[in-house]
Amino acid sequence: MLFASFVVCAGTTAMHAQGNYEIQVYGSETVPPRTTMVELHSNFTADGHPALDGVAATNHAEHETLEITQGVNDWSEVGFYVFTSEQSGLGAQWVGDHIRPRVRAPDRWHWPVGASLSLEMGYQRALFSPDTWTLEIRPIIDKTTGRWYFAVNPVLDRTWHGPDVNLGLDFSPAAKISYNFTKEIAGGLEYYSDYGSITGIASLHNQQQQFFPVIDLNVSPKWEINFGVGVGPTAATDHWIVKGILGRYFDWPKRKR
């Protein structure tokens, strides 16, 4: 479930803006039917970009995102996001809302990997992103082998209203590899990026690249806990971000007839 947008960068190739609201590599599993997943994504940009061309700074911004996902059946779900931001000079602000339907390959297909597809669409205020209406297409492939877990999200983004309308499809892949040290603790590396338009990949200097060493705590099947510290090595990327995810599953009893 997760997910990430970026600060507008200079260069001949336009690129999407990073908001650091939901920094997550999605797994293929969907929320079961009659179950609701409530998540809080907390992200603080310790070293980011200043305000530019009327867009709020990411530097020292605290972002809190509420994500609520409802399972529809054994192969689909619908998620809803509320994005907020708090920083000096602006205070607490509502940023925008997104909705995200997702489907996956059912278990009965017996595929060798997990696979799903999400479509995330919605609005964010121009103060925080010049591209106010966007669509994200996120294919998801993952695999568990022994104690190892692998996931790849080759994301495509499309702007419907804003300066990046003419960019077309933007390629911003994400990936994760982790290892279960114990039944309760897993450690790994998450990768997030934005390469620019699929028809004109940006130079390395203007690409956005982030690496997050992360810890996942498997304290209960009802809880999801993730923590990481990210570094952005390129000029177009926020340089230091601390992120955390706290999620809880709530089951609803089947109605009696």
C-alpha atoms as a PDB file:
ATOM      1  CA  MET A   1       0.000   0.000   0.000  1.00  0.00           C
ATOM      2  CA  LEU A   2       2.038   2.651  -0.232  1.00  0.00           C
ATOM      3  CA  PHE A   3       3.033   4.668  -1.770  1.00  0.00           C
ATOM      4  CA  ALA A   4       5.169   8.611  -3.059  1.00  0.00           C
ATOM      5  CA  SER A   5       5.281  12.004  -5.061  1.00  0.00           C
ATOM      6  CA  PHE A   6       8.350  14.398  -5.513  1.00  0.00           C
ATOM      7  CA  VAL A   7       9.674  18.108  -5.400  1.00  0.00           C
ATOM      8  CA  VAL A   8       9.655  19.793  -8.829  1.00  0.00           C
ATOM      9  CA  CYS A   9      13.167  19.790 -10.183  1.00  0.00           C
ATOM     10  CA  ALA A  10      15.005  21.833 -12.769  1.00  0.00           C
ATOM     11  CA  GLY A  11      16.185  20.392 -16.060  1.00  0.00           C
ATOM     12  CA  THR A  12      15.026  19.774 -19.593  1.00  0.00           C
ATOM     13  CA  THR A  13      12.703  16.955 -18.498  1.00  0.00           C
ATOM     14  CA  ALA A  14       9.746  17.825 -16.267  1.00  0.00           C
ATOM     15  CA  MET A  15       9.147  15.544 -13.287  1.00  0.00           C
ATOM     16  CA  HIS A  16       6.457  14.937 -10.711  1.00  0.00           C
ATOM     17  CA  ALA A  17       6.652  16.473  -7.244  1.00  0.00           C
ATOM     18  CA  GLN A  18       7.528  14.483  -4.111  1.00  0.00           C
ATOM     19  CA  GLY A  19       5.161  15.022  -1.228  1.00  0.00           C
ATOM     20  CA  ASN A  20       6.435  12.355   1.180  1.00  0.00           C
ATOM     21  CA  TYR A  21       2.929  11.548   2.389  1.00  0.00           C
ATOM     22  CA  GLU A  22       2.714   7.786   1.946  1.00  0.00           C
ATOM     23  CA  ILE A  23       6.135   6.189   1.573  1.00  0.00           C
ATOM     24  CA  GLN A  24       5.496   2.488   1.145  1.00  0.00           C
ATOM     25  CA  VAL A  25       6.260  -0.364  -1.236  1.00  0.00           C
ATOM     26  CA  TYR A  26       3.017  -2.268  -1.788  1.00  0.00           C
ATOM     27  CA  GLY A  27       2.685  -6.010  -1.331  1.00  0.00           C
ATOM     28  CA  SER A  28       0.291  -7.968  -3.520  1.00  0.00           C
ATOM     29  CA  GLU A  29      -2.140  -9.061  -0.775  1.00  0.00           C
ATOM     30  CA  THR A  30      -5.486  -7.272  -0.503  1.00  0.00           C
ATOM     31  CA  VAL A  31      -7.477  -6.681   2.670  1.00  0.00           C
ATOM     32  CA  PRO A  32      -9.903  -9.603   3.229  1.00  0.00           C
ATOM     33  CA  PRO A  33     -13.670  -9.063   2.894  1.00  0.00           C
ATOM     34  CA  ARG A  34     -15.477  -7.840   6.038  1.00  0.00           C
ATOM     35  CA  THR A  35     -12.158  -6.359   7.189  1.00  0.00           C
ATOM     36  CA  THR A  36     -11.054  -2.723   7.438  1.00  0.00           C
ATOM     37  CA  MET A  37      -7.414  -1.664   7.596  1.00  0.00           C
ATOM     38  CA  VAL A  38      -6.660   1.699   9.250  1.00  0.00           C
ATOM     39  CA  GLU A  39      -3.133   3.060   8.808  1.00  0.00           C
ATOM     40  CA  LEU A  40      -1.320   6.202   9.910  1.00  0.00           C
ATOM     41  CA  HIS A  41       1.674   7.232   7.787  1.00  0.00           C
ATOM     42  CA  SER A  42       3.977   9.650   9.644  1.00  0.00           C
ATOM     43  CA  ASN A  43       6.827  11.219   7.668  1.00  0.00           C
ATOM     44  CA  PHE A  44       9.237  14.017   8.666  1.00  0.00           C
ATOM     45  CA  THR A  45      11.601  15.602   6.141  1.00  0.00           C
ATOM     46  CA  ALA A  46      14.701  16.493   8.159  1.00  0.00           C
ATOM     47  CA  ASP A  47      16.581  17.898   5.149  1.00  0.00           C
ATOM     48  CA  GLY A  48      14.451  18.833   2.166  1.00  0.00           C
ATOM     49  CA  HIS A  49      13.790  21.602  -0.330  1.00  0.00           C
ATOM     50  CA  PRO A  50      12.774  25.219   0.320  1.00  0.00           C
ATOM     51  CA  ALA A  51       9.568  26.809  -0.965  1.00  0.00           C
ATOM     52  CA  LEU A  52       9.696  27.328  -4.725  1.00  0.00           C
ATOM     53  CA  ASP A  53       7.339  29.087  -7.160  1.00  0.00           C
ATOM     54  CA  GLY A  54       4.434  29.157  -4.697  1.00  0.00           C
ATOM     55  CA  VAL A  55       4.803  25.510  -3.644  1.00  0.00           C
ATOM     56  CA  ALA A  56       5.356  24.911   0.081  1.00  0.00           C
ATOM     57  CA  ALA A  57       8.753  23.721   1.276  1.00  0.00           C
ATOM     58  CA  THR A  58       9.355  20.087   2.118  1.00  0.00           C
ATOM     59  CA  ASN A  59      12.191  21.000   4.511  1.00  0.00           C
ATOM     60  CA  HIS A  60      11.156  20.315   8.131  1.00  0.00           C
ATOM     61  CA  ALA A  61       7.619  19.403   7.045  1.00  0.00           C
ATOM     62  CA  GLU A  62       5.688  16.836   9.084  1.00  0.00           C
ATOM     63  CA  HIS A  63       3.198  14.850   7.022  1.00  0.00           C
ATOM     64  CA  GLU A  64       0.450  12.706   8.503  1.00  0.00           C
ATOM     65  CA  THR A  65      -1.660  10.555   6.197  1.00  0.00           C
ATOM     66  CA  LEU A  66      -4.721   8.592   7.233  1.00  0.00           C
ATOM     67  CA  GLU A  67      -5.354   5.562   5.025  1.00  0.00           C
ATOM     68  CA  ILE A  68      -8.523   3.484   5.367  1.00  0.00           C
ATOM     69  CA  THR A  69      -8.821   0.331   3.241  1.00  0.00           C
ATOM     70  CA  GLN A  70     -11.914  -1.844   3.009  1.00  0.00           C
ATOM     71  CA  GLY A  71     -11.816  -5.393   1.693  1.00  0.00           C
ATOM     72  CA  VAL A  72     -14.503  -6.019  -0.954  1.00  0.00           C
ATOM     73  CA  ASN A  73     -14.012  -9.722  -1.710  1.00  0.00           C
ATOM     74  CA  ASP A  74     -11.128 -12.199  -1.708  1.00  0.00           C
ATOM     75  CA  TRP A  75      -9.418 -10.445  -4.633  1.00  0.00           C
ATOM     76  CA  SER A  76     -10.221  -6.711  -4.336  1.00  0.00           C
ATOM     77  CA  GLU A  77     -10.223  -3.733  -1.969  1.00  0.00           C
ATOM     78  CA  VAL A  78     -10.794   0.037  -1.964  1.00  0.00           C
ATOM     79  CA  GLY A  79      -8.547   2.491  -0.114  1.00  0.00           C
ATOM     80  CA  PHE A  80      -9.091   6.141   0.804  1.00  0.00           C
ATOM     81  CA  TYR A  81      -6.422   8.669   1.859  1.00  0.00           C
ATOM     82  CA  VAL A  82      -6.481  11.980   3.712  1.00  0.00           C
ATOM     83  CA  PHE A  83      -3.187  13.904   3.395  1.00  0.00           C
ATOM     84  CA  THR A  84      -2.114  16.571   5.901  1.00  0.00           C
ATOM     85  CA  SER A  85       0.982  18.710   6.448  1.00  0.00           C
ATOM     86  CA  GLU A  86       2.342  20.758   9.341  1.00  0.00           C
ATOM     87  CA  GLN A  87       5.320  23.085   9.275  1.00  0.00           C
ATOM     88  CA  SER A  88       6.535  26.425  10.568  1.00  0.00           C
ATOM     89  CA  GLY A  89       4.717  29.368   8.983  1.00  0.00           C
ATOM     90  CA  LEU A  90       1.827  27.298   7.659  1.00  0.00           C
ATOM     91  CA  GLY A  91       0.637  25.338  10.673  1.00  0.00           C
ATOM     92  CA  ALA A  92      -1.545  22.274  10.162  1.00  0.00           C
ATOM     93  CA  GLN A  93      -3.001  22.060   6.655  1.00  0.00           C
ATOM     94  CA  TRP A  94      -5.265  19.710   4.719  1.00  0.00           C
ATOM     95  CA  VAL A  95      -3.405  18.728   1.530  1.00  0.00           C
ATOM     96  CA  GLY A  96      -5.834  16.522  -0.407  1.00  0.00           C
ATOM     97  CA  ASP A  97      -7.613  13.190  -0.764  1.00  0.00           C
ATOM     98  CA  HIS A  98      -7.114  10.122  -2.960  1.00  0.00           C
ATOM     99  CA  ILE A  99      -9.109   6.961  -3.635  1.00  0.00           C
ATOM    100  CA  ARG A 100      -7.466   3.667  -4.611  1.00  0.00           C
ATOM    101  CA  PRO A 101      -9.270   0.564  -5.912  1.00  0.00           C
ATOM    102  CA  ARG A 102      -7.073  -2.542  -6.191  1.00  0.00           C
ATOM    103  CA  VAL A 103      -7.436  -6.078  -7.546  1.00  0.00           C
ATOM    104  CA  ARG A 104      -5.127  -9.079  -7.266  1.00  0.00           C
ATOM    105  CA  ALA A 105      -4.601 -12.496  -8.802  1.00  0.00           C
ATOM    106  CA  PRO A 106      -6.715 -14.866  -6.632  1.00  0.00           C
ATOM    107  CA  ASP A 107      -4.964 -17.672  -4.757  1.00  0.00           C
ATOM    108  CA  ARG A 108      -6.888 -20.257  -6.811  1.00  0.00           C
ATOM    109  CA  TRP A 109      -4.891 -19.240  -9.876  1.00  0.00           C
ATOM    110  CA  HIS A 110      -1.745 -20.656  -8.202  1.00  0.00           C
ATOM    111  CA  TRP A 111       0.644 -18.142  -9.721  1.00  0.00           C
ATOM    112  CA  PRO A 112       4.332 -18.509  -8.717  1.00  0.00           C
ATOM    113  CA  VAL A 113       4.374 -14.861  -7.556  1.00  0.00           C
ATOM    114  CA  GLY A 114       1.864 -12.547  -5.934  1.00  0.00           C
ATOM    115  CA  ALA A 115       0.426  -9.980  -8.349  1.00  0.00           C
ATOM    116  CA  SER A 116      -2.005  -7.100  -8.065  1.00  0.00           C
ATOM    117  CA  LEU A 117      -2.851  -3.771  -9.691  1.00  0.00           C
ATOM    118  CA  SER A 118      -3.950  -0.534  -8.044  1.00  0.00           C
ATOM    119  CA  LEU A 119      -5.266   2.707  -9.531  1.00  0.00           C
ATOM    120  CA  GLU A 120      -4.868   5.708  -7.232  1.00  0.00           C
ATOM    121  CA  MET A 121      -6.506   8.980  -8.241  1.00  0.00           C
ATOM    122  CA  GLY A 122      -7.279  12.232  -6.516  1.00  0.00           C
ATOM    123  CA  TYR A 123      -6.677  15.872  -5.709  1.00  0.00           C
ATOM    124  CA  GLN A 124      -3.967  17.756  -3.851  1.00  0.00           C
ATOM    125  CA  ARG A 125      -3.895  21.520  -3.265  1.00  0.00           C
ATOM    126  CA  ALA A 126      -1.638  23.592  -5.521  1.00  0.00           C
ATOM    127  CA  LEU A 127       0.152  24.947  -2.417  1.00  0.00           C
ATOM    128  CA  PHE A 128       1.668  21.477  -1.985  1.00  0.00           C
ATOM    129  CA  SER A 129       1.766  20.178  -5.570  1.00  0.00           C
ATOM    130  CA  PRO A 130       1.366  22.168  -8.797  1.00  0.00           C
ATOM    131  CA  ASP A 131      -0.139  19.010 -10.342  1.00  0.00           C
ATOM    132  CA  THR A 132      -3.492  19.086  -8.584  1.00  0.00           C
ATOM    133  CA  TRP A 133      -5.273  16.110 -10.209  1.00  0.00           C
ATOM    134  CA  THR A 134      -3.266  12.930 -10.780  1.00  0.00           C
ATOM    135  CA  LEU A 135      -3.594   9.218 -11.528  1.00  0.00           C
ATOM    136  CA  GLU A 136      -1.179   6.509 -10.398  1.00  0.00           C
ATOM    137  CA  ILE A 137      -1.087   3.075 -12.064  1.00  0.00           C
ATOM    138  CA  ARG A 138       0.762   0.633  -9.793  1.00  0.00           C
ATOM    139  CA  PRO A 139       1.446  -2.961 -10.877  1.00  0.00           C
ATOM    140  CA  ILE A 140       2.669  -5.025  -7.906  1.00  0.00           C
ATOM    141  CA  ILE A 141       4.712  -8.230  -7.954  1.00  0.00           C
ATOM    142  CA  ASP A 142       6.075  -9.898  -4.829  1.00  0.00           C
ATOM    143  CA  LYS A 143       7.479 -13.203  -3.612  1.00  0.00           C
ATOM    144  CA  THR A 144       8.345 -14.815  -0.280  1.00  0.00           C
ATOM    145  CA  THR A 145      11.146 -17.399  -0.341  1.00  0.00           C
ATOM    146  CA  GLY A 146      12.074 -18.810   3.044  1.00  0.00           C
ATOM    147  CA  ARG A 147      12.982 -15.829   5.219  1.00  0.00           C
ATOM    148  CA  TRP A 148      13.398 -13.520   2.227  1.00  0.00           C
ATOM    149  CA  TYR A 149      10.746 -11.201   0.798  1.00  0.00           C
ATOM    150  CA  PHE A 150      10.920  -9.322  -2.521  1.00  0.00           C
ATOM    151  CA  ALA A 151       8.505  -6.753  -4.009  1.00  0.00           C
ATOM    152  CA  VAL A 152       8.590  -4.602  -7.151  1.00  0.00           C
ATOM    153  CA  ASN A 153       6.185  -1.740  -7.992  1.00  0.00           C
ATOM    154  CA  PRO A 154       6.880  -0.381 -11.531  1.00  0.00           C
ATOM    155  CA  VAL A 155       4.677   2.704 -11.056  1.00  0.00           C
ATOM    156  CA  LEU A 156       3.336   4.907 -13.852  1.00  0.00           C
ATOM    157  CA  ASP A 157       1.958   8.389 -13.025  1.00  0.00           C
ATOM    158  CA  ARG A 158      -0.271  10.658 -15.100  1.00  0.00           C
ATOM    159  CA  THR A 159      -1.131  14.316 -14.423  1.00  0.00           C
ATOM    160  CA  TRP A 160      -4.619  15.465 -15.429  1.00  0.00           C
ATOM    161  CA  HIS A 161      -4.359  19.081 -14.260  1.00  0.00           C
ATOM    162  CA  GLY A 162      -1.109  20.974 -13.752  1.00  0.00           C
ATOM    163  CA  PRO A 163       2.199  21.794 -15.449  1.00  0.00           C
ATOM    164  CA  ASP A 164       3.083  18.119 -16.026  1.00  0.00           C
ATOM    165  CA  VAL A 165       0.021  17.411 -18.199  1.00  0.00           C
ATOM    166  CA  ASN A 166       2.200  17.328 -21.315  1.00  0.00           C
ATOM    167  CA  LEU A 167       4.712  14.979 -19.666  1.00  0.00           C
ATOM    168  CA  GLY A 168       2.543  11.968 -20.407  1.00  0.00           C
ATOM    169  CA  LEU A 169       3.310   8.862 -18.377  1.00  0.00           C
ATOM    170  CA  ASP A 170       5.969   9.277 -15.711  1.00  0.00           C
ATOM    171  CA  PHE A 171       7.989   6.242 -14.578  1.00  0.00           C
ATOM    172  CA  SER A 172       8.616   6.050 -10.815  1.00  0.00           C
ATOM    173  CA  PRO A 173       9.444   2.473  -9.777  1.00  0.00           C
ATOM    174  CA  ALA A 174       9.750   1.286  -6.170  1.00  0.00           C
ATOM    175  CA  ALA A 175      11.126  -1.959  -4.747  1.00  0.00           C
ATOM    176  CA  LYS A 176      11.768  -3.742  -1.451  1.00  0.00           C
ATOM    177  CA  ILE A 177      13.895  -6.594  -0.177  1.00  0.00           C
ATOM    178  CA  SER A 178      13.719  -7.798   3.426  1.00  0.00           C
ATOM    179  CA  TYR A 179      14.829 -10.687   5.627  1.00  0.00           C
ATOM    180  CA  ASN A 180      13.052 -12.156   8.670  1.00  0.00           C
ATOM    181  CA  PHE A 181      15.674 -12.267  11.414  1.00  0.00           C
ATOM    182  CA  THR A 182      13.046 -13.680  13.792  1.00  0.00           C
ATOM    183  CA  LYS A 183       9.285 -14.295  13.593  1.00  0.00           C
ATOM    184  CA  GLU A 184       8.738 -10.782  14.956  1.00  0.00           C
ATOM    185  CA  ILE A 185      11.514  -8.709  13.355  1.00  0.00           C
ATOM    186  CA  ALA A 186      12.400  -8.191   9.702  1.00  0.00           C
ATOM    187  CA  GLY A 187      14.954  -5.792   8.272  1.00  0.00           C
ATOM    188  CA  GLY A 188      15.386  -4.646   4.722  1.00  0.00           C
ATOM    189  CA  LEU A 189      15.890  -1.939   2.127  1.00  0.00           C
ATOM    190  CA  GLU A 190      13.205   0.032   0.294  1.00  0.00           C
ATOM    191  CA  TYR A 191      13.880   1.997  -2.910  1.00  0.00           C
ATOM    192  CA  TYR A 192      11.833   4.855  -4.366  1.00  0.00           C
ATOM    193  CA  SER A 193      12.507   6.840  -7.530  1.00  0.00           C
ATOM    194  CA  ASP A 194      11.215   9.073 -10.274  1.00  0.00           C
ATOM    195  CA  TYR A 195      12.956   8.722 -13.643  1.00  0.00           C
ATOM    196  CA  GLY A 196      10.810  11.233 -15.519  1.00  0.00           C
ATOM    197  CA  SER A 197       8.761  10.638 -18.654  1.00  0.00           C
ATOM    198  CA  ILE A 198       8.880   7.141 -20.145  1.00  0.00           C
ATOM    199  CA  THR A 199       9.594   8.823 -23.494  1.00  0.00           C
ATOM    200  CA  GLY A 200      12.442  10.961 -22.111  1.00  0.00           C
ATOM    201  CA  ILE A 201      14.215   9.579 -19.055  1.00  0.00           C
ATOM    202  CA  ALA A 202      15.861  12.354 -17.028  1.00  0.00           C
ATOM    203  CA  SER A 203      19.599  12.611 -16.406  1.00  0.00           C
ATOM    204  CA  LEU A 204      20.864  11.010 -13.200  1.00  0.00           C
ATOM    205  CA  HIS A 205      21.323  14.482 -11.677  1.00  0.00           C
ATOM    206  CA  ASN A 206      17.634  15.284 -12.209  1.00  0.00           C
ATOM    207  CA  GLN A 207      16.277  11.870 -11.279  1.00  0.00           C
ATOM    208  CA  GLN A 208      14.881  11.279  -7.806  1.00  0.00           C
ATOM    209  CA  GLN A 209      16.356   8.366  -5.891  1.00  0.00           C
ATOM    210  CA  GLN A 210      15.694   7.410  -2.263  1.00  0.00           C
ATOM    211  CA  PHE A 211      16.985   4.476  -0.198  1.00  0.00           C
ATOM    212  CA  PHE A 212      15.311   3.523   3.085  1.00  0.00           C
ATOM    213  CA  PRO A 213      16.821   0.954   5.460  1.00  0.00           C
ATOM    214  CA  VAL A 214      13.692  -0.264   7.266  1.00  0.00           C
ATOM    215  CA  ILE A 215      12.493  -2.411  10.147  1.00  0.00           C
ATOM    216  CA  ASP A 216       9.173  -4.307  10.078  1.00  0.00           C
ATOM    217  CA  LEU A 217       7.723  -5.563  13.362  1.00  0.00           C
ATOM    218  CA  ASN A 218       5.393  -8.568  13.068  1.00  0.00           C
ATOM    219  CA  VAL A 219       4.008  -8.390  16.592  1.00  0.00           C
ATOM    220  CA  SER A 220       0.530  -9.634  15.599  1.00  0.00           C
ATOM    221  CA  PRO A 221      -1.462 -10.518  12.454  1.00  0.00           C
ATOM    222  CA  LYS A 222      -3.703  -7.574  13.389  1.00  0.00           C
ATOM    223  CA  TRP A 223      -0.917  -4.987  13.315  1.00  0.00           C
ATOM    224  CA  GLU A 224       1.418  -3.497  10.708  1.00  0.00           C
ATOM    225  CA  ILE A 225       4.469  -1.587  11.966  1.00  0.00           C
ATOM    226  CA  ASN A 226       7.188  -0.181   9.707  1.00  0.00           C
ATOM    227  CA  PHE A 227       9.974   2.316  10.421  1.00  0.00           C
ATOM    228  CA  GLY A 228      12.777   3.667   8.260  1.00  0.00           C
ATOM    229  CA  VAL A 229      15.236   6.481   7.610  1.00  0.00           C
ATOM    230  CA  GLY A 230      15.712   7.506   3.994  1.00  0.00           C
ATOM    231  CA  VAL A 231      18.554   9.186   2.173  1.00  0.00           C
ATOM    232  CA  GLY A 232      18.251  10.919  -1.197  1.00  0.00           C
ATOM    233  CA  PRO A 233      21.639  11.066  -2.989  1.00  0.00           C
ATOM    234  CA  THR A 234      20.584  13.179  -5.997  1.00  0.00           C
ATOM    235  CA  ALA A 235      20.082  16.957  -6.136  1.00  0.00           C
ATOM    236  CA  ALA A 236      16.398  16.575  -7.088  1.00  0.00           C
ATOM    237  CA  THR A 237      15.561  14.504  -4.004  1.00  0.00           C
ATOM    238  CA  ASP A 238      14.861  15.408  -0.377  1.00  0.00           C
ATOM    239  CA  HIS A 239      18.037  14.330   1.402  1.00  0.00           C
ATOM    240  CA  TRP A 240      16.848  12.934   4.766  1.00  0.00           C
ATOM    241  CA  ILE A 241      13.398  11.607   5.674  1.00  0.00           C
ATOM    242  CA  VAL A 242      12.202   9.674   8.708  1.00  0.00           C
ATOM    243  CA  LYS A 243       9.063   7.611   8.173  1.00  0.00           C
ATOM    244  CA  GLY A 244       6.799   5.331  10.155  1.00  0.00           C
ATOM    245  CA  ILE A 245       3.653   3.311   9.449  1.00  0.00           C
ATOM    246  CA  LEU A 246       1.250   2.055  12.096  1.00  0.00           C
ATOM    247  CA  GLY A 247      -1.685  -0.048  10.892  1.00  0.00           C
ATOM    248  CA  ARG A 248      -4.467  -2.083  12.497  1.00  0.00           C
ATOM    249  CA  TYR A 249      -6.932  -4.588  10.988  1.00  0.00           C
ATOM    250  CA  PHE A 250     -10.538  -4.577  12.195  1.00  0.00           C
ATOM    251  CA  ASP A 251     -12.764  -7.568  11.401  1.00  0.00           C
ATOM    252  CA  TRP A 252     -16.536  -7.257  11.037  1.00  0.00           C
ATOM    253  CA  PRO A 253     -18.763 -10.248  11.841  1.00  0.00           C
ATOM    254  CA  LYS A 254     -20.853 -11.775   9.095  1.00  0.00           C
ATOM    255  CA  ARG A 255     -24.463 -10.648   9.248  1.00  0.00           C
ATOM    256  CA  LYS A 256     -26.961 -13.205  10.432  1.00  0.00           C
ATOM    257  CA  ARG A 257     -29.927 -13.860   8.185  1.00  0.00           C
END
